[in-house]
């Protein structure tokens, strides 16, 4: 994980993108610091890196999310990750919808992550946020909805 942490600061977009991939595939709840460092990349100047960070938040387990939320490196990270963990335990449709309707990138980003993790009941939020050619949140929501639709189609054939 130390190598991934180092690569997250690389000036090349592709290196940062694939460093986050390394964290997705290897992170455990003991890696809260590196996960929090990845979450910082929601502020990256490259939308592809932001998109990969959203996928990290979608794919890592809840214990790892909570671990990163306990890192007090940046308050906005811990506050938003704590909100995500709370929503995963007890979803508040109104709060998630309010964030999804926000003009703030971070509000929309974390709403999209929660909707993607909660799956079908929150597909309408992904549909609202999704746009293949939009910003990182819109692209992430579009892809998450497409994955959800494909997996649902596969389940119905089985």
Protein backbone atom coordinates (compact mmCIF):
# COMPACT_ATOMS: atom_id res chain seq x y z
CA UNK A 1 0.00 0.00 0.00
CA UNK A 2 2.94 2.32 0.58
CA UNK A 3 3.72 2.31 -3.13
CA UNK A 4 0.11 3.22 -3.95
CA UNK A 5 0.29 6.13 -1.50
CA UNK A 6 3.40 7.40 -3.24
CA UNK A 7 1.83 7.01 -6.71
CA UNK A 8 -1.28 8.97 -5.71
CA UNK A 9 0.86 12.12 -5.83
CA UNK A 10 2.26 11.44 -9.30
CA UNK A 11 1.71 14.27 -11.82
CA UNK A 12 0.51 11.80 -14.47
CA UNK A 13 -3.25 11.23 -14.53
CA UNK A 14 -2.93 7.57 -15.54
CA UNK A 15 -0.59 6.82 -12.64
CA UNK A 16 -3.00 8.34 -10.10
CA UNK A 17 -5.91 6.50 -11.75
CA UNK A 18 -4.19 3.11 -11.50
CA UNK A 19 -2.87 3.80 -8.00
CA UNK A 20 -6.50 4.10 -6.88
CA UNK A 21 -7.16 0.79 -8.64
CA UNK A 22 -4.44 -0.74 -6.49
CA UNK A 23 -6.17 0.53 -3.38
CA UNK A 24 -9.53 -0.83 -4.59
CA UNK A 25 -8.06 -4.29 -5.01
CA UNK A 26 -5.99 -4.38 -1.82
CA UNK A 27 -7.44 -2.10 0.85
CA UNK A 28 -8.65 -3.44 4.16
CA UNK A 29 -10.07 -1.72 7.21
CA UNK A 30 -6.47 -1.24 8.35
CA UNK A 31 -5.85 1.11 5.42
CA UNK A 32 -8.03 4.05 6.44
CA UNK A 33 -5.26 6.58 5.87
CA UNK A 34 -4.58 5.53 2.26
CA UNK A 35 -8.31 5.30 1.53
CA UNK A 36 -8.74 8.85 2.87
CA UNK A 37 -5.84 9.94 0.65
CA UNK A 38 -7.70 8.46 -2.32
CA UNK A 39 -10.87 10.32 -1.34
CA UNK A 40 -8.89 13.57 -1.57
CA UNK A 41 -8.76 12.87 -5.30
CA UNK A 42 -12.41 13.80 -5.60
CA UNK A 43 -10.80 17.24 -5.87
CA UNK A 44 -8.38 16.10 -8.59
CA UNK A 45 -8.23 18.30 -11.68
CA UNK A 46 -8.85 15.23 -13.88
CA UNK A 47 -12.39 13.90 -14.03
CA UNK A 48 -11.14 10.37 -14.79
CA UNK A 49 -9.32 10.32 -11.45
CA UNK A 50 -12.43 11.68 -9.70
CA UNK A 51 -14.47 8.92 -11.37
CA UNK A 52 -12.01 6.25 -10.18
CA UNK A 53 -12.23 7.64 -6.65
CA UNK A 54 -16.02 7.33 -6.76
CA UNK A 55 -15.59 3.72 -7.84
CA UNK A 56 -13.30 3.13 -4.89
CA UNK A 57 -16.03 4.42 -2.57
CA UNK A 58 -18.56 2.19 -4.31
CA UNK A 59 -16.48 -0.99 -4.12
CA UNK A 60 -14.63 -1.05 -0.80
CA UNK A 61 -16.31 -2.67 2.17
CA UNK A 62 -18.16 -0.71 4.84
CA UNK A 63 -15.50 -1.34 7.49
CA UNK A 64 -12.88 0.22 5.22
CA UNK A 65 -15.17 3.21 4.60
CA UNK A 66 -15.63 3.66 8.33
CA UNK A 67 -11.89 3.35 8.89
CA UNK A 68 -11.22 6.12 6.37
CA UNK A 69 -13.95 8.21 7.98
CA UNK A 70 -12.07 8.00 11.27
CA UNK A 71 -8.99 9.61 9.71
CA UNK A 72 -9.13 13.28 10.64
CA UNK A 73 -6.86 14.47 7.85
CA UNK A 74 -9.51 16.63 6.20
CA UNK A 75 -12.78 17.29 7.94
CA UNK A 76 -14.79 17.24 4.69
CA UNK A 77 -13.60 13.68 4.07
CA UNK A 78 -14.46 12.36 7.52
CA UNK A 79 -17.81 14.19 7.58
CA UNK A 80 -18.85 12.83 4.19
CA UNK A 81 -17.63 9.29 4.84
CA UNK A 82 -19.44 9.24 8.17
CA UNK A 83 -22.58 10.36 6.30
CA UNK A 84 -22.13 7.53 3.76
CA UNK A 85 -21.71 4.90 6.48
CA UNK A 86 -24.79 6.24 8.29
CA UNK A 87 -26.84 6.13 5.07
CA UNK A 88 -25.74 2.57 4.34
CA UNK A 89 -26.96 1.49 7.78
CA UNK A 90 -30.21 3.47 7.77
CA UNK A 91 -30.94 5.23 4.46
CA UNK A 92 -32.72 8.56 4.60
CA UNK A 93 -34.35 8.94 1.18
CA UNK A 94 -34.95 12.66 1.70
CA UNK A 95 -31.35 13.40 2.71
CA UNK A 96 -29.92 11.36 -0.16
CA UNK A 97 -32.31 13.02 -2.61
CA UNK A 98 -31.48 16.48 -1.29
CA UNK A 99 -27.77 15.86 -1.85
CA UNK A 100 -28.44 14.41 -5.29
CA UNK A 101 -30.35 17.60 -6.21
CA UNK A 102 -27.57 19.86 -4.96
CA UNK A 103 -25.41 21.93 -7.29
CA UNK A 104 -22.42 21.09 -5.07
CA UNK A 105 -20.14 18.49 -6.66
CA UNK A 106 -19.30 16.79 -3.35
CA UNK A 107 -22.93 16.52 -2.28
CA UNK A 108 -23.80 14.90 -5.60
CA UNK A 109 -20.71 12.67 -5.47
CA UNK A 110 -21.50 11.17 -2.08
CA UNK A 111 -25.20 10.82 -2.93
CA UNK A 112 -24.23 8.91 -6.07
CA UNK A 113 -21.95 6.60 -4.07
CA UNK A 114 -24.71 5.82 -1.58
CA UNK A 115 -27.25 5.25 -4.35
CA UNK A 116 -24.84 2.94 -6.18
CA UNK A 117 -24.10 0.93 -3.04
CA UNK A 118 -27.79 0.64 -2.09
CA UNK A 119 -28.63 -0.50 -5.61
CA UNK A 120 -32.18 -0.94 -6.98
CA UNK A 121 -34.19 1.08 -4.48
CA UNK A 122 -32.01 4.08 -5.38
CA UNK A 123 -31.83 3.54 -9.15
CA UNK A 124 -34.01 6.66 -9.72
CA UNK A 125 -31.30 8.80 -8.09
CA UNK A 126 -28.65 7.26 -10.32
CA UNK A 127 -30.92 7.85 -13.31
CA UNK A 128 -31.33 11.51 -12.34
CA UNK A 129 -27.61 12.03 -11.79
CA UNK A 130 -26.39 9.93 -14.71
CA UNK A 131 -25.05 11.26 -17.96
CA UNK A 132 -22.38 9.44 -19.96
CA UNK A 133 -20.89 12.73 -21.15
CA UNK A 134 -21.24 14.72 -17.93
CA UNK A 135 -18.83 15.41 -15.09
CA UNK A 136 -17.29 12.61 -13.00
CA UNK A 137 -20.42 12.23 -10.84
CA UNK A 138 -22.72 12.06 -13.87
CA UNK A 139 -20.47 9.54 -15.60
CA UNK A 140 -20.14 7.44 -12.43
CA UNK A 141 -23.92 7.42 -11.88
CA UNK A 142 -24.51 6.47 -15.52
CA UNK A 143 -22.03 3.57 -15.24
CA UNK A 144 -23.43 2.42 -11.87
CA UNK A 145 -26.96 2.38 -13.28
CA UNK A 146 -25.79 0.48 -16.34
CA UNK A 147 -24.03 -2.09 -14.11
CA UNK A 148 -27.16 -2.39 -12.02
CA UNK A 149 -29.35 -2.88 -15.08
CA UNK A 150 -26.99 -5.49 -16.52
CA UNK A 151 -26.74 -7.42 -13.26
CA UNK A 152 -30.51 -7.36 -12.86
CA UNK A 153 -30.94 -8.69 -16.39
CA UNK A 154 -28.48 -11.50 -15.68
CA UNK A 155 -30.33 -12.42 -12.48
CA UNK A 156 -33.69 -12.60 -14.24
CA UNK A 157 -32.27 -15.05 -16.81
CA UNK A 158 -30.95 -17.40 -14.14
